[in-house]
Amino acid sequence: MTTKFLQTITLLGASVTAGLMAGLFAAFAYAVMPGLGRTDNLTFISAMQRINVAILNGWFMICFLGALALTVTTLLLHLGSARSALPWIIAALVLYIAMLVITAAINVPLNDQLAAAGEHITDPGAVREQFESRWVTWNIVRAVVSTAAFAALAYALVVHGQATATDTEASALAAGHAAPAPQQYPAEQAARPSWMYPADQVGNGGNRGLPAVTDGR
């Protein structure tokens, strides 16, 4: 496989997985949490506890860690000659790492705190108050940050595609210039019938050496 192909595949994979993560956090921001916000305290706590357990599955981890691994890989592949998309890949990596930091420093500890409350909670209102507002706020932040990372990767994919097309066109033009040009012959060397020559040229080489025509007088 060529480097160009690997660059394209890893960049595409990074874009898809980062987009899936951005979509997940955005869905929590505009659908899941507003919906749970309309439930009573015990229902809210119970639902979030179960969501936090269910979400730790293979598909989630493939996207969550796969986006990071693929972004790092495509960045390394773009360190060579093809650097047009590199600034956008770097920006995406920084943004995605920022999302990971937010998740690890804020959202995960809040999830652990909610899990530690257990099922038999004496004051569910207090538990919810300590969790909901802060978790929702920082989930919106990480949704915005991860969406920006996805946008940067998507634009990097566009730039990479344009650069690849330009390189392909340049290679085709170079191959065309390297090919021998067809032989050209001057128009005056083409054979012409004698009647096309003026009378003063006939017999003087204009009619390919034929004798001059006289009127006999």
C-alpha atoms as a PDB file:
ATOM      1  CA  MET A   1       0.000   0.000   0.000  1.00  0.00           C
ATOM      2  CA  THR A   2       1.242   3.475  -0.849  1.00  0.00           C
ATOM      3  CA  THR A   3       1.695   6.266   1.669  1.00  0.00           C
ATOM      4  CA  LYS A   4      -1.069   8.282  -0.015  1.00  0.00           C
ATOM      5  CA  PHE A   5      -3.498   5.403   0.449  1.00  0.00           C
ATOM      6  CA  LEU A   6      -2.573   4.985   4.123  1.00  0.00           C
ATOM      7  CA  GLN A   7      -2.916   8.727   4.676  1.00  0.00           C
ATOM      8  CA  THR A   8      -6.379   8.688   3.146  1.00  0.00           C
ATOM      9  CA  ILE A   9      -7.588   5.609   5.030  1.00  0.00           C
ATOM     10  CA  THR A  10      -6.349   6.734   8.453  1.00  0.00           C
ATOM     11  CA  LEU A  11      -7.636  10.274   7.956  1.00  0.00           C
ATOM     12  CA  LEU A  12     -11.025   8.948   6.886  1.00  0.00           C
ATOM     13  CA  GLY A  13     -11.131   6.583   9.878  1.00  0.00           C
ATOM     14  CA  ALA A  14     -10.178   9.375  12.267  1.00  0.00           C
ATOM     15  CA  SER A  15     -12.902  11.592  10.810  1.00  0.00           C
ATOM     16  CA  VAL A  16     -15.591   8.920  11.125  1.00  0.00           C
ATOM     17  CA  THR A  17     -14.757   7.888  14.697  1.00  0.00           C
ATOM     18  CA  ALA A  18     -14.347  11.482  15.874  1.00  0.00           C
ATOM     19  CA  GLY A  19     -17.677  12.307  14.241  1.00  0.00           C
ATOM     20  CA  LEU A  20     -19.364   9.424  16.054  1.00  0.00           C
ATOM     21  CA  MET A  21     -18.018  10.652  19.397  1.00  0.00           C
ATOM     22  CA  ALA A  22     -19.121  14.208  18.675  1.00  0.00           C
ATOM     23  CA  GLY A  23     -22.566  12.892  17.765  1.00  0.00           C
ATOM     24  CA  LEU A  24     -22.779  10.881  20.989  1.00  0.00           C
ATOM     25  CA  PHE A  25     -21.976  13.843  23.234  1.00  0.00           C
ATOM     26  CA  ALA A  26     -24.245  16.115  21.197  1.00  0.00           C
ATOM     27  CA  ALA A  27     -27.122  13.627  21.527  1.00  0.00           C
ATOM     28  CA  PHE A  28     -26.712  13.683  25.306  1.00  0.00           C
ATOM     29  CA  ALA A  29     -26.668  17.494  25.215  1.00  0.00           C
ATOM     30  CA  TYR A  30     -29.786  18.077  23.126  1.00  0.00           C
ATOM     31  CA  ALA A  31     -31.880  14.942  23.742  1.00  0.00           C
ATOM     32  CA  VAL A  32     -30.881  12.552  26.533  1.00  0.00           C
ATOM     33  CA  MET A  33     -30.199  14.981  29.373  1.00  0.00           C
ATOM     34  CA  PRO A  34     -33.148  17.305  28.612  1.00  0.00           C
ATOM     35  CA  GLY A  35     -35.371  14.213  28.606  1.00  0.00           C
ATOM     36  CA  LEU A  36     -33.995  12.909  31.891  1.00  0.00           C
ATOM     37  CA  GLY A  37     -34.262  16.402  33.315  1.00  0.00           C
ATOM     38  CA  ARG A  38     -38.051  16.036  33.231  1.00  0.00           C
ATOM     39  CA  THR A  39     -38.053  12.917  35.416  1.00  0.00           C
ATOM     40  CA  ASP A  40     -38.119  12.628  39.203  1.00  0.00           C
ATOM     41  CA  ASN A  41     -34.919  12.368  41.215  1.00  0.00           C
ATOM     42  CA  LEU A  42     -34.833   8.591  41.661  1.00  0.00           C
ATOM     43  CA  THR A  43     -35.641   7.947  38.004  1.00  0.00           C
ATOM     44  CA  PHE A  44     -32.929  10.377  36.905  1.00  0.00           C
ATOM     45  CA  ILE A  45     -30.294   8.809  39.159  1.00  0.00           C
ATOM     46  CA  SER A  46     -31.261   5.238  38.263  1.00  0.00           C
ATOM     47  CA  ALA A  47     -31.253   5.974  34.517  1.00  0.00           C
ATOM     48  CA  MET A  48     -27.848   7.690  34.602  1.00  0.00           C
ATOM     49  CA  GLN A  49     -26.342   4.874  36.664  1.00  0.00           C
ATOM     50  CA  ARG A  50     -27.488   2.327  34.104  1.00  0.00           C
ATOM     51  CA  ILE A  51     -26.404   4.445  31.126  1.00  0.00           C
ATOM     52  CA  ASN A  52     -22.921   4.837  32.608  1.00  0.00           C
ATOM     53  CA  VAL A  53     -22.615   1.060  32.921  1.00  0.00           C
ATOM     54  CA  ALA A  54     -24.107   0.218  29.520  1.00  0.00           C
ATOM     55  CA  ILE A  55     -21.973   2.719  27.602  1.00  0.00           C
ATOM     56  CA  LEU A  56     -18.732   0.976  28.556  1.00  0.00           C
ATOM     57  CA  ASN A  57     -18.852  -1.491  25.671  1.00  0.00           C
ATOM     58  CA  GLY A  58     -16.590  -2.426  22.790  1.00  0.00           C
ATOM     59  CA  TRP A  59     -18.241  -0.171  20.220  1.00  0.00           C
ATOM     60  CA  PHE A  60     -17.854   2.854  22.456  1.00  0.00           C
ATOM     61  CA  MET A  61     -14.198   2.094  23.163  1.00  0.00           C
ATOM     62  CA  ILE A  62     -13.440   1.568  19.465  1.00  0.00           C
ATOM     63  CA  CYS A  63     -14.694   5.068  18.709  1.00  0.00           C
ATOM     64  CA  PHE A  64     -13.458   6.732  21.912  1.00  0.00           C
ATOM     65  CA  LEU A  65      -9.873   5.461  21.690  1.00  0.00           C
ATOM     66  CA  GLY A  66      -9.858   4.686  17.968  1.00  0.00           C
ATOM     67  CA  ALA A  67     -10.330   8.344  17.059  1.00  0.00           C
ATOM     68  CA  LEU A  68      -7.259   9.244  19.103  1.00  0.00           C
ATOM     69  CA  ALA A  69      -5.130   6.418  17.691  1.00  0.00           C
ATOM     70  CA  LEU A  70      -6.136   7.102  14.089  1.00  0.00           C
ATOM     71  CA  THR A  71      -5.577  10.845  14.424  1.00  0.00           C
ATOM     72  CA  VAL A  72      -2.079  10.289  15.812  1.00  0.00           C
ATOM     73  CA  THR A  73      -1.355   7.761  13.047  1.00  0.00           C
ATOM     74  CA  THR A  74      -2.515  10.023  10.225  1.00  0.00           C
ATOM     75  CA  LEU A  75      -0.540  12.905  11.733  1.00  0.00           C
ATOM     76  CA  LEU A  76       2.641  10.822  11.641  1.00  0.00           C
ATOM     77  CA  LEU A  77       1.931   9.784   8.052  1.00  0.00           C
ATOM     78  CA  HIS A  78       1.535  13.439   7.043  1.00  0.00           C
ATOM     79  CA  LEU A  79       4.910  14.456   8.473  1.00  0.00           C
ATOM     80  CA  GLY A  80       6.557  13.596   5.166  1.00  0.00           C
ATOM     81  CA  SER A  81       6.168  15.476   1.919  1.00  0.00           C
ATOM     82  CA  ALA A  82       2.354  15.814   2.009  1.00  0.00           C
ATOM     83  CA  ARG A  83       1.867  18.506   4.648  1.00  0.00           C
ATOM     84  CA  SER A  84      -1.034  20.539   3.306  1.00  0.00           C
ATOM     85  CA  ALA A  85      -3.526  18.884   5.691  1.00  0.00           C
ATOM     86  CA  LEU A  86      -1.109  18.711   8.635  1.00  0.00           C
ATOM     87  CA  PRO A  87      -2.173  21.954  10.424  1.00  0.00           C
ATOM     88  CA  TRP A  88      -5.793  20.797  10.502  1.00  0.00           C
ATOM     89  CA  ILE A  89      -4.839  17.350  11.765  1.00  0.00           C
ATOM     90  CA  ILE A  90      -2.776  18.914  14.558  1.00  0.00           C
ATOM     91  CA  ALA A  91      -5.701  21.166  15.493  1.00  0.00           C
ATOM     92  CA  ALA A  92      -8.032  18.157  15.559  1.00  0.00           C
ATOM     93  CA  LEU A  93      -5.648  16.206  17.782  1.00  0.00           C
ATOM     94  CA  VAL A  94      -5.346  19.080  20.269  1.00  0.00           C
ATOM     95  CA  LEU A  95      -9.135  19.462  20.394  1.00  0.00           C
ATOM     96  CA  TYR A  96      -9.719  15.742  20.815  1.00  0.00           C
ATOM     97  CA  ILE A  97      -7.181  15.539  23.633  1.00  0.00           C
ATOM     98  CA  ALA A  98      -8.963  18.480  25.282  1.00  0.00           C
ATOM     99  CA  MET A  99     -12.189  16.466  25.134  1.00  0.00           C
ATOM    100  CA  LEU A 100     -10.442  13.486  26.725  1.00  0.00           C
ATOM    101  CA  VAL A 101      -9.113  15.683  29.530  1.00  0.00           C
ATOM    102  CA  ILE A 102     -12.580  17.112  30.214  1.00  0.00           C
ATOM    103  CA  THR A 103     -14.075  13.622  30.261  1.00  0.00           C
ATOM    104  CA  ALA A 104     -11.397  12.170  32.539  1.00  0.00           C
ATOM    105  CA  ALA A 105     -11.200  15.144  34.909  1.00  0.00           C
ATOM    106  CA  ILE A 106     -14.889  16.014  35.270  1.00  0.00           C
ATOM    107  CA  ASN A 107     -17.483  13.704  33.718  1.00  0.00           C
ATOM    108  CA  VAL A 108     -15.976  10.367  34.775  1.00  0.00           C
ATOM    109  CA  PRO A 109     -15.474  11.387  38.454  1.00  0.00           C
ATOM    110  CA  LEU A 110     -19.083  12.603  38.531  1.00  0.00           C
ATOM    111  CA  ASN A 111     -20.205   9.268  37.080  1.00  0.00           C
ATOM    112  CA  ASP A 112     -18.205   7.428  39.736  1.00  0.00           C
ATOM    113  CA  GLN A 113     -19.718   9.630  42.437  1.00  0.00           C
ATOM    114  CA  LEU A 114     -23.211   8.847  41.185  1.00  0.00           C
ATOM    115  CA  ALA A 115     -22.449   5.117  41.059  1.00  0.00           C
ATOM    116  CA  ALA A 116     -21.134   5.227  44.633  1.00  0.00           C
ATOM    117  CA  ALA A 117     -24.477   6.581  45.828  1.00  0.00           C
ATOM    118  CA  GLY A 118     -25.954   3.124  45.193  1.00  0.00           C
ATOM    119  CA  GLU A 119     -29.607   2.265  44.755  1.00  0.00           C
ATOM    120  CA  HIS A 120     -31.003   3.024  48.202  1.00  0.00           C
ATOM    121  CA  ILE A 121     -30.454   6.757  48.449  1.00  0.00           C
ATOM    122  CA  THR A 122     -31.779   8.644  51.446  1.00  0.00           C
ATOM    123  CA  ASP A 123     -31.572  12.075  49.808  1.00  0.00           C
ATOM    124  CA  PRO A 124     -31.865  11.654  46.025  1.00  0.00           C
ATOM    125  CA  GLY A 125     -32.435  15.381  45.535  1.00  0.00           C
ATOM    126  CA  ALA A 126     -29.025  16.230  46.993  1.00  0.00           C
ATOM    127  CA  VAL A 127     -27.302  13.515  44.942  1.00  0.00           C
ATOM    128  CA  ARG A 128     -28.912  14.781  41.766  1.00  0.00           C
ATOM    129  CA  GLU A 129     -28.063  18.391  42.552  1.00  0.00           C
ATOM    130  CA  GLN A 130     -24.378  17.527  43.010  1.00  0.00           C
ATOM    131  CA  PHE A 131     -24.320  15.692  39.688  1.00  0.00           C
ATOM    132  CA  GLU A 132     -26.730  17.051  37.099  1.00  0.00           C
ATOM    133  CA  SER A 133     -25.870  20.706  36.554  1.00  0.00           C
ATOM    134  CA  ARG A 134     -22.096  20.234  36.446  1.00  0.00           C
ATOM    135  CA  TRP A 135     -22.230  17.095  34.303  1.00  0.00           C
ATOM    136  CA  VAL A 136     -24.623  18.647  31.778  1.00  0.00           C
ATOM    137  CA  THR A 137     -22.553  21.835  31.488  1.00  0.00           C
ATOM    138  CA  TRP A 138     -19.277  20.053  30.847  1.00  0.00           C
ATOM    139  CA  ASN A 139     -20.908  17.559  28.503  1.00  0.00           C
ATOM    140  CA  ILE A 140     -21.990  20.515  26.358  1.00  0.00           C
ATOM    141  CA  VAL A 141     -18.406  21.808  26.430  1.00  0.00           C
ATOM    142  CA  ARG A 142     -16.962  18.470  25.349  1.00  0.00           C
ATOM    143  CA  ALA A 143     -19.659  18.134  22.679  1.00  0.00           C
ATOM    144  CA  VAL A 144     -18.586  21.472  21.196  1.00  0.00           C
ATOM    145  CA  VAL A 145     -14.882  20.608  21.447  1.00  0.00           C
ATOM    146  CA  SER A 146     -15.286  17.156  19.899  1.00  0.00           C
ATOM    147  CA  THR A 147     -17.457  18.602  17.119  1.00  0.00           C
ATOM    148  CA  ALA A 148     -14.691  21.102  16.377  1.00  0.00           C
ATOM    149  CA  ALA A 149     -12.197  18.215  16.265  1.00  0.00           C
ATOM    150  CA  PHE A 150     -14.426  16.372  13.802  1.00  0.00           C
ATOM    151  CA  ALA A 151     -14.788  19.502  11.653  1.00  0.00           C
ATOM    152  CA  ALA A 152     -11.003  19.951  11.568  1.00  0.00           C
ATOM    153  CA  LEU A 153     -10.510  16.338  10.485  1.00  0.00           C
ATOM    154  CA  ALA A 154     -13.225  16.633   7.852  1.00  0.00           C
ATOM    155  CA  TYR A 155     -11.585  19.733   6.408  1.00  0.00           C
ATOM    156  CA  ALA A 156      -8.182  18.026   6.549  1.00  0.00           C
ATOM    157  CA  LEU A 157      -9.712  15.235   4.467  1.00  0.00           C
ATOM    158  CA  VAL A 158     -10.880  17.789   1.891  1.00  0.00           C
ATOM    159  CA  VAL A 159      -7.448  19.447   1.758  1.00  0.00           C
ATOM    160  CA  HIS A 160      -5.759  16.060   1.470  1.00  0.00           C
ATOM    161  CA  GLY A 161      -8.068  15.097  -1.398  1.00  0.00           C
ATOM    162  CA  GLN A 162      -7.337  18.332  -3.250  1.00  0.00           C
ATOM    163  CA  ALA A 163      -3.589  17.869  -2.783  1.00  0.00           C
ATOM    164  CA  THR A 164      -3.806  14.278  -4.002  1.00  0.00           C
ATOM    165  CA  ALA A 165      -5.747  15.346  -7.103  1.00  0.00           C
ATOM    166  CA  THR A 166      -3.196  18.083  -7.824  1.00  0.00           C
ATOM    167  CA  ASP A 167      -0.302  15.645  -7.471  1.00  0.00           C
ATOM    168  CA  THR A 168      -2.027  13.161  -9.770  1.00  0.00           C
ATOM    169  CA  GLU A 169      -2.613  15.848 -12.397  1.00  0.00           C
ATOM    170  CA  ALA A 170       0.988  17.037 -12.152  1.00  0.00           C
ATOM    171  CA  SER A 171       2.251  13.478 -12.593  1.00  0.00           C
ATOM    172  CA  ALA A 172       0.046  13.016 -15.649  1.00  0.00           C
ATOM    173  CA  LEU A 173       1.316  16.256 -17.183  1.00  0.00           C
ATOM    174  CA  ALA A 174       4.917  15.283 -16.493  1.00  0.00           C
ATOM    175  CA  ALA A 175       4.357  11.929 -18.141  1.00  0.00           C
ATOM    176  CA  GLY A 176       2.831  13.686 -21.153  1.00  0.00           C
ATOM    177  CA  HIS A 177       5.818  16.017 -21.557  1.00  0.00           C
ATOM    178  CA  ALA A 178       8.208  13.108 -21.271  1.00  0.00           C
ATOM    179  CA  ALA A 179       6.551  11.229 -24.154  1.00  0.00           C
ATOM    180  CA  PRO A 180       8.076  11.890 -27.620  1.00  0.00           C
ATOM    181  CA  ALA A 181       6.084  14.347 -29.670  1.00  0.00           C
ATOM    182  CA  PRO A 182       4.740  13.155 -33.033  1.00  0.00           C
ATOM    183  CA  GLN A 183       6.940  14.176 -35.973  1.00  0.00           C
ATOM    184  CA  GLN A 184       5.800  17.337 -37.705  1.00  0.00           C
ATOM    185  CA  TYR A 185       6.355  18.106 -41.375  1.00  0.00           C
ATOM    186  CA  PRO A 186       6.291  21.632 -42.822  1.00  0.00           C
ATOM    187  CA  ALA A 187       3.280  22.300 -44.964  1.00  0.00           C
ATOM    188  CA  GLU A 188       5.448  23.292 -47.932  1.00  0.00           C
ATOM    189  CA  GLN A 189       6.945  19.780 -48.009  1.00  0.00           C
ATOM    190  CA  ALA A 190       3.603  18.227 -48.732  1.00  0.00           C
ATOM    191  CA  ALA A 191       3.070  17.068 -52.292  1.00  0.00           C
ATOM    192  CA  ARG A 192       0.935  19.388 -54.356  1.00  0.00           C
ATOM    193  CA  PRO A 193      -0.338  18.996 -57.928  1.00  0.00           C
ATOM    194  CA  SER A 194       1.369  21.055 -60.592  1.00  0.00           C
ATOM    195  CA  TRP A 195      -1.639  23.187 -61.359  1.00  0.00           C
ATOM    196  CA  MET A 196      -1.295  24.796 -57.925  1.00  0.00           C
ATOM    197  CA  TYR A 197       2.062  26.404 -58.836  1.00  0.00           C
ATOM    198  CA  PRO A 198       2.316  29.749 -60.654  1.00  0.00           C
ATOM    199  CA  ALA A 199       3.652  29.620 -64.210  1.00  0.00           C
ATOM    200  CA  ASP A 200       6.950  31.290 -63.277  1.00  0.00           C
ATOM    201  CA  GLN A 201       7.683  28.485 -60.780  1.00  0.00           C
ATOM    202  CA  VAL A 202       6.957  25.636 -63.122  1.00  0.00           C
ATOM    203  CA  GLY A 203      10.224  24.017 -64.220  1.00  0.00           C
ATOM    204  CA  ASN A 204      12.180  25.882 -61.525  1.00  0.00           C
ATOM    205  CA  GLY A 205      11.705  23.287 -58.813  1.00  0.00           C
ATOM    206  CA  GLY A 206       8.184  24.259 -57.931  1.00  0.00           C
ATOM    207  CA  ASN A 207       6.779  21.283 -59.775  1.00  0.00           C
ATOM    208  CA  ARG A 208       9.343  18.837 -58.481  1.00  0.00           C
ATOM    209  CA  GLY A 209      11.755  19.171 -61.440  1.00  0.00           C
ATOM    210  CA  LEU A 210       9.219  18.932 -64.304  1.00  0.00           C
ATOM    211  CA  PRO A 211      10.288  20.886 -67.441  1.00  0.00           C
ATOM    212  CA  ALA A 212       8.915  24.342 -67.944  1.00  0.00           C
ATOM    213  CA  VAL A 213       5.885  24.637 -70.153  1.00  0.00           C
ATOM    214  CA  THR A 214       6.184  27.067 -73.105  1.00  0.00           C
ATOM    215  CA  ASP A 215       3.565  28.413 -75.421  1.00  0.00           C
ATOM    216  CA  GLY A 216       5.603  27.399 -78.549  1.00  0.00           C
ATOM    217  CA  ARG A 217       6.050  30.956 -79.887  1.00  0.00           C
END
